[in-house]
């Protein structure tokens, strides 16, 4: 069952901006846009400053980010409940419910079949499965 929270689900574009905030920490719109451009070199439709600013205004209204306007350039940070791991868990739980009818097995099978996991990742997955098995 999906985890209950007052923080709304972000759109794909909002998740991309949150991902940058999670990695950089509290940041200005300009710093986030610069990082988006670094992560997507050569893309024709890179996000511009005004587009990112509008997204941050919407995300602030939705309660996904908090804005510190005590400085000339506003600084944004994820709002409580929109931190990296809780938000990722919530999105995964929602995906499993909607796309896989709540089946963790089907989700894992598709995840492992759709992209190649590194040896290190597979070792970590095995450790998590082992720990999960011990809890059950």
N, C-alpha and C. Protein backbone atom coordinates (compact mmCIF):
# COMPACT_ATOMS: atom_id res chain seq x y z
N UNK A 1 0.84 -1.17 0.00
CA UNK A 1 0.00 0.00 0.00
C UNK A 1 0.89 1.24 0.00
N UNK A 2 0.46 2.30 -0.71
CA UNK A 2 1.26 3.51 -0.85
C UNK A 2 1.38 4.25 0.48
N UNK A 3 2.55 4.82 0.69
CA UNK A 3 2.83 5.57 1.90
C UNK A 3 2.08 6.90 1.84
N UNK A 4 1.41 7.28 2.92
CA UNK A 4 0.64 8.52 2.96
C UNK A 4 1.57 9.68 3.32
N UNK A 5 1.39 10.78 2.63
CA UNK A 5 2.17 11.98 2.90
C UNK A 5 1.41 13.19 2.38
N UNK A 6 1.69 14.35 2.94
CA UNK A 6 1.05 15.57 2.49
C UNK A 6 1.75 16.17 1.28
N UNK A 7 2.94 15.67 0.95
CA UNK A 7 3.70 16.20 -0.17
C UNK A 7 3.18 15.56 -1.46
N UNK A 8 2.76 16.38 -2.44
CA UNK A 8 2.24 15.81 -3.69
C UNK A 8 3.32 15.14 -4.52
N UNK A 9 2.88 14.26 -5.42
CA UNK A 9 3.83 13.61 -6.32
C UNK A 9 4.34 14.63 -7.33
N UNK A 10 5.65 14.68 -7.53
CA UNK A 10 6.21 15.61 -8.52
C UNK A 10 6.07 15.07 -9.94
N UNK A 11 6.05 15.98 -10.90
CA UNK A 11 6.06 15.61 -12.31
C UNK A 11 7.47 15.14 -12.68
N UNK A 12 7.64 14.65 -13.89
CA UNK A 12 8.96 14.20 -14.35
C UNK A 12 9.97 15.35 -14.32
N UNK A 13 9.57 16.52 -14.79
CA UNK A 13 10.48 17.68 -14.78
C UNK A 13 10.82 18.10 -13.35
N UNK A 14 9.84 18.02 -12.46
CA UNK A 14 10.09 18.39 -11.07
C UNK A 14 11.05 17.39 -10.41
N UNK A 15 10.92 16.12 -10.73
CA UNK A 15 11.85 15.13 -10.19
C UNK A 15 13.27 15.42 -10.67
N UNK A 16 13.41 15.82 -11.94
CA UNK A 16 14.75 16.15 -12.47
C UNK A 16 15.37 17.30 -11.68
N UNK A 17 14.57 18.31 -11.35
CA UNK A 17 15.09 19.44 -10.58
C UNK A 17 15.36 19.03 -9.12
N UNK A 18 14.47 18.22 -8.56
CA UNK A 18 14.71 17.72 -7.20
C UNK A 18 15.99 16.89 -7.16
N UNK A 19 16.22 16.09 -8.19
CA UNK A 19 17.44 15.26 -8.26
C UNK A 19 18.69 16.15 -8.13
N UNK A 20 18.68 17.29 -8.81
CA UNK A 20 19.82 18.21 -8.71
C UNK A 20 19.92 18.77 -7.30
N UNK A 21 18.79 19.17 -6.72
CA UNK A 21 18.83 19.68 -5.34
C UNK A 21 19.31 18.62 -4.37
N UNK A 22 18.88 17.38 -4.55
CA UNK A 22 19.34 16.30 -3.68
C UNK A 22 20.85 16.14 -3.77
N UNK A 23 21.39 16.27 -4.97
CA UNK A 23 22.83 16.09 -5.17
C UNK A 23 23.64 17.31 -4.71
N UNK A 24 23.15 18.52 -5.03
CA UNK A 24 23.91 19.73 -4.71
C UNK A 24 23.63 20.27 -3.31
N UNK A 25 22.47 19.98 -2.78
CA UNK A 25 22.04 20.62 -1.55
C UNK A 25 21.36 21.94 -1.89
N UNK A 26 21.04 22.75 -0.89
CA UNK A 26 20.34 24.00 -1.14
C UNK A 26 21.07 24.81 -2.22
N UNK A 27 20.30 25.28 -3.21
CA UNK A 27 20.90 25.92 -4.38
C UNK A 27 20.01 27.01 -4.95
N UNK A 28 20.64 27.90 -5.69
CA UNK A 28 19.89 28.91 -6.43
C UNK A 28 19.40 28.30 -7.74
N UNK A 29 18.45 28.98 -8.37
CA UNK A 29 17.94 28.52 -9.66
C UNK A 29 19.08 28.46 -10.68
N UNK A 30 19.93 29.48 -10.67
CA UNK A 30 21.06 29.52 -11.61
C UNK A 30 21.99 28.33 -11.46
N UNK A 31 22.28 27.95 -10.22
CA UNK A 31 23.16 26.80 -9.97
C UNK A 31 22.50 25.51 -10.46
N UNK A 32 21.19 25.39 -10.26
CA UNK A 32 20.48 24.19 -10.71
C UNK A 32 20.47 24.13 -12.23
N UNK A 33 20.20 25.24 -12.89
CA UNK A 33 20.20 25.27 -14.36
C UNK A 33 21.58 24.91 -14.90
N UNK A 34 22.63 25.46 -14.30
CA UNK A 34 23.99 25.12 -14.73
C UNK A 34 24.24 23.62 -14.62
N UNK A 35 23.80 23.02 -13.51
CA UNK A 35 24.00 21.58 -13.30
C UNK A 35 23.17 20.76 -14.29
N UNK A 36 21.95 21.19 -14.57
CA UNK A 36 21.12 20.50 -15.56
C UNK A 36 21.84 20.49 -16.91
N UNK A 37 22.43 21.61 -17.29
CA UNK A 37 23.15 21.71 -18.57
C UNK A 37 24.38 20.80 -18.58
N UNK A 38 25.07 20.69 -17.44
CA UNK A 38 26.23 19.79 -17.36
C UNK A 38 25.81 18.34 -17.53
N UNK A 39 24.65 17.99 -16.99
CA UNK A 39 24.17 16.61 -17.05
C UNK A 39 23.58 16.26 -18.40
N UNK A 40 23.24 17.26 -19.19
CA UNK A 40 22.61 17.03 -20.49
C UNK A 40 23.35 17.79 -21.58
N UNK A 41 24.64 17.54 -21.75
CA UNK A 41 25.42 18.31 -22.73
C UNK A 41 24.91 18.07 -24.15
N UNK A 42 24.86 19.15 -24.93
CA UNK A 42 24.49 19.04 -26.33
C UNK A 42 23.01 18.86 -26.60
N UNK A 43 22.19 18.87 -25.58
CA UNK A 43 20.75 18.72 -25.78
C UNK A 43 20.19 20.01 -26.34
N UNK A 44 19.38 19.91 -27.36
CA UNK A 44 18.77 21.07 -28.00
C UNK A 44 17.82 21.81 -27.05
N UNK A 45 17.05 21.05 -26.30
CA UNK A 45 16.03 21.65 -25.45
C UNK A 45 16.45 21.68 -23.99
N UNK A 46 17.61 22.23 -23.70
CA UNK A 46 18.05 22.34 -22.31
C UNK A 46 17.14 23.34 -21.60
N UNK A 47 16.92 23.13 -20.33
CA UNK A 47 16.04 23.99 -19.56
C UNK A 47 16.67 25.36 -19.35
N UNK A 48 15.91 26.40 -19.61
CA UNK A 48 16.38 27.76 -19.39
C UNK A 48 16.09 28.24 -17.99
N UNK A 49 16.68 29.37 -17.65
CA UNK A 49 16.54 29.92 -16.30
C UNK A 49 15.08 30.23 -15.97
N UNK A 50 14.38 30.92 -16.88
CA UNK A 50 13.00 31.31 -16.56
C UNK A 50 12.08 30.09 -16.44
N UNK A 51 12.33 29.07 -17.23
CA UNK A 51 11.54 27.84 -17.13
C UNK A 51 11.79 27.17 -15.77
N UNK A 52 13.06 27.08 -15.38
CA UNK A 52 13.39 26.47 -14.09
C UNK A 52 12.79 27.30 -12.95
N UNK A 53 12.87 28.63 -13.07
CA UNK A 53 12.31 29.49 -12.03
C UNK A 53 10.81 29.24 -11.89
N UNK A 54 10.11 29.13 -13.00
CA UNK A 54 8.67 28.86 -12.96
C UNK A 54 8.39 27.51 -12.28
N UNK A 55 9.19 26.49 -12.63
CA UNK A 55 9.03 25.19 -11.98
C UNK A 55 9.24 25.31 -10.48
N UNK A 56 10.27 26.05 -10.06
CA UNK A 56 10.52 26.20 -8.63
C UNK A 56 9.39 26.95 -7.94
N UNK A 57 8.80 27.94 -8.61
CA UNK A 57 7.66 28.65 -8.04
C UNK A 57 6.47 27.69 -7.85
N UNK A 58 6.22 26.86 -8.85
CA UNK A 58 5.15 25.87 -8.77
C UNK A 58 5.45 24.85 -7.68
N UNK A 59 6.71 24.38 -7.64
CA UNK A 59 7.11 23.39 -6.64
C UNK A 59 7.01 23.97 -5.22
N UNK A 60 7.27 25.25 -5.07
CA UNK A 60 7.11 25.91 -3.77
C UNK A 60 5.64 25.91 -3.38
N UNK A 61 4.78 26.29 -4.33
CA UNK A 61 3.33 26.30 -4.07
C UNK A 61 2.80 24.91 -3.73
N UNK A 62 3.38 23.88 -4.37
CA UNK A 62 2.94 22.51 -4.13
C UNK A 62 3.51 21.93 -2.83
N UNK A 63 4.49 22.61 -2.25
CA UNK A 63 5.10 22.12 -1.02
C UNK A 63 6.24 21.14 -1.25
N UNK A 64 6.77 21.09 -2.47
CA UNK A 64 7.89 20.19 -2.77
C UNK A 64 9.24 20.78 -2.38
N UNK A 65 9.35 22.10 -2.43
CA UNK A 65 10.59 22.78 -2.05
C UNK A 65 10.26 23.94 -1.13
N UNK A 66 11.28 24.37 -0.42
CA UNK A 66 11.19 25.57 0.42
C UNK A 66 12.14 26.61 -0.18
N UNK A 67 11.71 27.86 -0.10
CA UNK A 67 12.52 28.95 -0.66
C UNK A 67 13.02 29.84 0.48
N UNK A 68 14.31 30.08 0.48
CA UNK A 68 14.93 31.01 1.42
C UNK A 68 15.14 32.31 0.65
N UNK A 69 14.35 33.32 0.95
CA UNK A 69 14.46 34.58 0.21
C UNK A 69 15.18 35.66 1.02
N UNK A 70 16.00 35.24 1.98
CA UNK A 70 16.73 36.19 2.80
C UNK A 70 17.95 36.78 2.07
N UNK A 71 18.30 36.18 0.93
CA UNK A 71 19.41 36.69 0.12
C UNK A 71 18.85 37.22 -1.19
N UNK A 72 19.66 37.94 -1.92
CA UNK A 72 19.22 38.49 -3.21
C UNK A 72 18.76 37.37 -4.14
N UNK A 73 19.58 36.34 -4.27
CA UNK A 73 19.22 35.17 -5.08
C UNK A 73 18.56 34.15 -4.14
N UNK A 74 17.33 33.79 -4.43
CA UNK A 74 16.62 32.84 -3.58
C UNK A 74 17.30 31.48 -3.64
N UNK A 75 17.31 30.81 -2.50
CA UNK A 75 17.91 29.49 -2.38
C UNK A 75 16.78 28.50 -2.12
N UNK A 76 16.78 27.40 -2.88
CA UNK A 76 15.74 26.38 -2.75
C UNK A 76 16.32 25.12 -2.14
N UNK A 77 15.49 24.42 -1.37
CA UNK A 77 15.86 23.13 -0.79
C UNK A 77 14.60 22.28 -0.77
N UNK A 78 14.77 20.95 -0.81
CA UNK A 78 13.59 20.08 -0.74
C UNK A 78 12.84 20.31 0.57
N UNK A 79 11.53 20.32 0.49
CA UNK A 79 10.69 20.49 1.67
C UNK A 79 10.69 19.18 2.47
N UNK A 80 10.35 19.25 3.76
CA UNK A 80 10.22 18.01 4.53
C UNK A 80 9.25 17.06 3.83
N UNK A 81 9.65 15.82 3.69
CA UNK A 81 8.85 14.83 2.99
C UNK A 81 9.26 14.69 1.53
N UNK A 82 9.98 15.69 1.01
CA UNK A 82 10.44 15.63 -0.38
C UNK A 82 11.94 15.36 -0.45
N UNK A 83 12.52 14.91 0.68
CA UNK A 83 13.92 14.55 0.67
C UNK A 83 14.10 13.35 -0.25
N UNK A 84 15.32 13.12 -0.67
CA UNK A 84 15.62 12.11 -1.69
C UNK A 84 15.02 10.74 -1.41
N UNK A 85 15.37 10.13 -0.30
CA UNK A 85 14.95 8.75 -0.07
C UNK A 85 13.44 8.60 0.18
N UNK A 86 12.82 9.45 1.02
CA UNK A 86 11.37 9.32 1.18
C UNK A 86 10.62 9.52 -0.14
N UNK A 87 11.05 10.49 -0.95
CA UNK A 87 10.36 10.75 -2.22
C UNK A 87 10.58 9.59 -3.19
N UNK A 88 11.80 9.08 -3.25
CA UNK A 88 12.06 7.94 -4.13
C UNK A 88 11.22 6.73 -3.71
N UNK A 89 11.15 6.48 -2.42
CA UNK A 89 10.34 5.35 -1.94
C UNK A 89 8.88 5.54 -2.31
N UNK A 90 8.40 6.75 -2.16
CA UNK A 90 7.00 7.04 -2.48
C UNK A 90 6.73 6.84 -3.97
N UNK A 91 7.63 7.33 -4.81
CA UNK A 91 7.46 7.17 -6.25
C UNK A 91 7.53 5.71 -6.68
N UNK A 92 8.46 4.96 -6.09
CA UNK A 92 8.58 3.53 -6.40
C UNK A 92 7.33 2.78 -5.95
N UNK A 93 6.86 3.08 -4.75
CA UNK A 93 5.65 2.43 -4.24
C UNK A 93 4.48 2.70 -5.17
N UNK A 94 4.34 3.94 -5.62
CA UNK A 94 3.27 4.31 -6.53
C UNK A 94 3.42 3.57 -7.86
N UNK A 95 4.64 3.50 -8.38
CA UNK A 95 4.90 2.79 -9.65
C UNK A 95 4.55 1.31 -9.52
N UNK A 96 4.97 0.69 -8.44
CA UNK A 96 4.69 -0.74 -8.23
C UNK A 96 3.19 -0.99 -8.18
N UNK A 97 2.47 -0.12 -7.49
CA UNK A 97 1.01 -0.27 -7.40
C UNK A 97 0.35 -0.09 -8.77
N UNK A 98 0.72 0.99 -9.48
CA UNK A 98 0.04 1.31 -10.74
C UNK A 98 0.46 0.40 -11.89
N UNK A 99 1.74 0.16 -12.04
CA UNK A 99 2.24 -0.56 -13.22
C UNK A 99 2.33 -2.07 -13.02
N UNK A 100 2.48 -2.50 -11.77
CA UNK A 100 2.72 -3.92 -11.52
C UNK A 100 1.69 -4.54 -10.58
N UNK A 101 0.57 -3.84 -10.36
CA UNK A 101 -0.49 -4.37 -9.51
C UNK A 101 -0.03 -4.70 -8.11
N UNK A 102 1.00 -4.01 -7.64
CA UNK A 102 1.51 -4.24 -6.30
C UNK A 102 2.51 -5.38 -6.20
N UNK A 103 2.86 -5.98 -7.33
CA UNK A 103 3.78 -7.12 -7.31
C UNK A 103 5.24 -6.68 -7.32
N UNK A 104 5.90 -6.85 -6.19
CA UNK A 104 7.32 -6.54 -6.09
C UNK A 104 8.13 -7.45 -7.02
N UNK A 105 7.72 -8.71 -7.11
CA UNK A 105 8.40 -9.68 -7.97
C UNK A 105 8.40 -9.19 -9.42
N UNK A 106 7.23 -8.81 -9.93
CA UNK A 106 7.13 -8.34 -11.32
C UNK A 106 7.96 -7.08 -11.53
N UNK A 107 7.92 -6.19 -10.55
CA UNK A 107 8.71 -4.97 -10.65
C UNK A 107 10.20 -5.28 -10.74
N UNK A 108 10.68 -6.13 -9.83
CA UNK A 108 12.11 -6.46 -9.81
C UNK A 108 12.54 -7.19 -11.09
N UNK A 109 11.70 -8.09 -11.57
CA UNK A 109 12.02 -8.82 -12.80
C UNK A 109 12.18 -7.85 -13.97
N UNK A 110 11.26 -6.90 -14.09
CA UNK A 110 11.33 -5.92 -15.17
C UNK A 110 12.52 -4.98 -14.99
N UNK A 111 12.77 -4.57 -13.76
CA UNK A 111 13.89 -3.66 -13.51
C UNK A 111 15.21 -4.33 -13.88
N UNK A 112 15.38 -5.58 -13.49
CA UNK A 112 16.63 -6.28 -13.78
C UNK A 112 16.75 -6.64 -15.26
N UNK A 113 15.63 -6.89 -15.92
CA UNK A 113 15.65 -7.24 -17.34
C UNK A 113 15.85 -6.01 -18.24
N UNK A 114 15.45 -4.83 -17.76
CA UNK A 114 15.48 -3.66 -18.62
C UNK A 114 16.81 -2.92 -18.65
N UNK A 115 17.67 -3.14 -17.66
CA UNK A 115 18.97 -2.48 -17.68
C UNK A 115 20.00 -3.38 -17.01
N UNK A 116 21.22 -3.28 -17.49
CA UNK A 116 22.29 -4.12 -16.98
C UNK A 116 22.84 -3.54 -15.67
N UNK A 117 22.77 -4.33 -14.63
CA UNK A 117 23.32 -3.92 -13.33
C UNK A 117 24.79 -4.30 -13.28
N UNK A 118 25.59 -3.44 -12.68
CA UNK A 118 27.02 -3.72 -12.52
C UNK A 118 27.20 -4.83 -11.49
N UNK A 119 28.39 -5.38 -11.46
CA UNK A 119 28.72 -6.42 -10.47
C UNK A 119 28.54 -5.87 -9.07
N UNK A 120 28.98 -4.64 -8.85
CA UNK A 120 28.83 -4.01 -7.53
C UNK A 120 27.36 -3.85 -7.17
N UNK A 121 26.54 -3.41 -8.12
CA UNK A 121 25.11 -3.25 -7.86
C UNK A 121 24.46 -4.60 -7.55
N UNK A 122 24.83 -5.63 -8.30
CA UNK A 122 24.26 -6.96 -8.06
C UNK A 122 24.65 -7.47 -6.67
N UNK A 123 25.87 -7.20 -6.23
CA UNK A 123 26.30 -7.59 -4.89
C UNK A 123 25.46 -6.88 -3.84
N UNK A 124 25.22 -5.58 -4.04
CA UNK A 124 24.39 -4.81 -3.11
C UNK A 124 22.96 -5.32 -3.10
N UNK A 125 22.43 -5.66 -4.28
CA UNK A 125 21.06 -6.19 -4.37
C UNK A 125 20.96 -7.51 -3.61
N UNK A 126 21.96 -8.37 -3.79
CA UNK A 126 21.96 -9.66 -3.08
C UNK A 126 21.98 -9.45 -1.56
N UNK A 127 22.79 -8.50 -1.09
CA UNK A 127 22.84 -8.20 0.35
C UNK A 127 21.49 -7.72 0.86
N UNK A 128 20.84 -6.83 0.08
CA UNK A 128 19.53 -6.33 0.48
C UNK A 128 18.49 -7.46 0.51
N UNK A 129 18.54 -8.33 -0.49
CA UNK A 129 17.60 -9.47 -0.52
C UNK A 129 17.84 -10.39 0.67
N UNK A 130 19.10 -10.63 0.98
CA UNK A 130 19.43 -11.50 2.12
C UNK A 130 18.93 -10.88 3.42
N UNK A 131 19.15 -9.58 3.61
CA UNK A 131 18.70 -8.89 4.81
C UNK A 131 17.18 -8.88 4.89
N UNK A 132 16.53 -8.70 3.75
CA UNK A 132 15.07 -8.70 3.71
C UNK A 132 14.52 -10.08 4.05
N UNK A 133 15.19 -11.11 3.57
CA UNK A 133 14.77 -12.49 3.83
C UNK A 133 14.87 -12.80 5.33
N UNK A 134 15.92 -12.28 5.97
CA UNK A 134 16.11 -12.53 7.41
C UNK A 134 15.02 -11.83 8.23
N UNK A 135 14.56 -10.66 7.78
CA UNK A 135 13.51 -9.94 8.47
C UNK A 135 12.16 -10.64 8.36
N UNK A 136 11.96 -11.31 7.22
CA UNK A 136 10.65 -11.96 6.96
C UNK A 136 10.50 -13.24 7.66
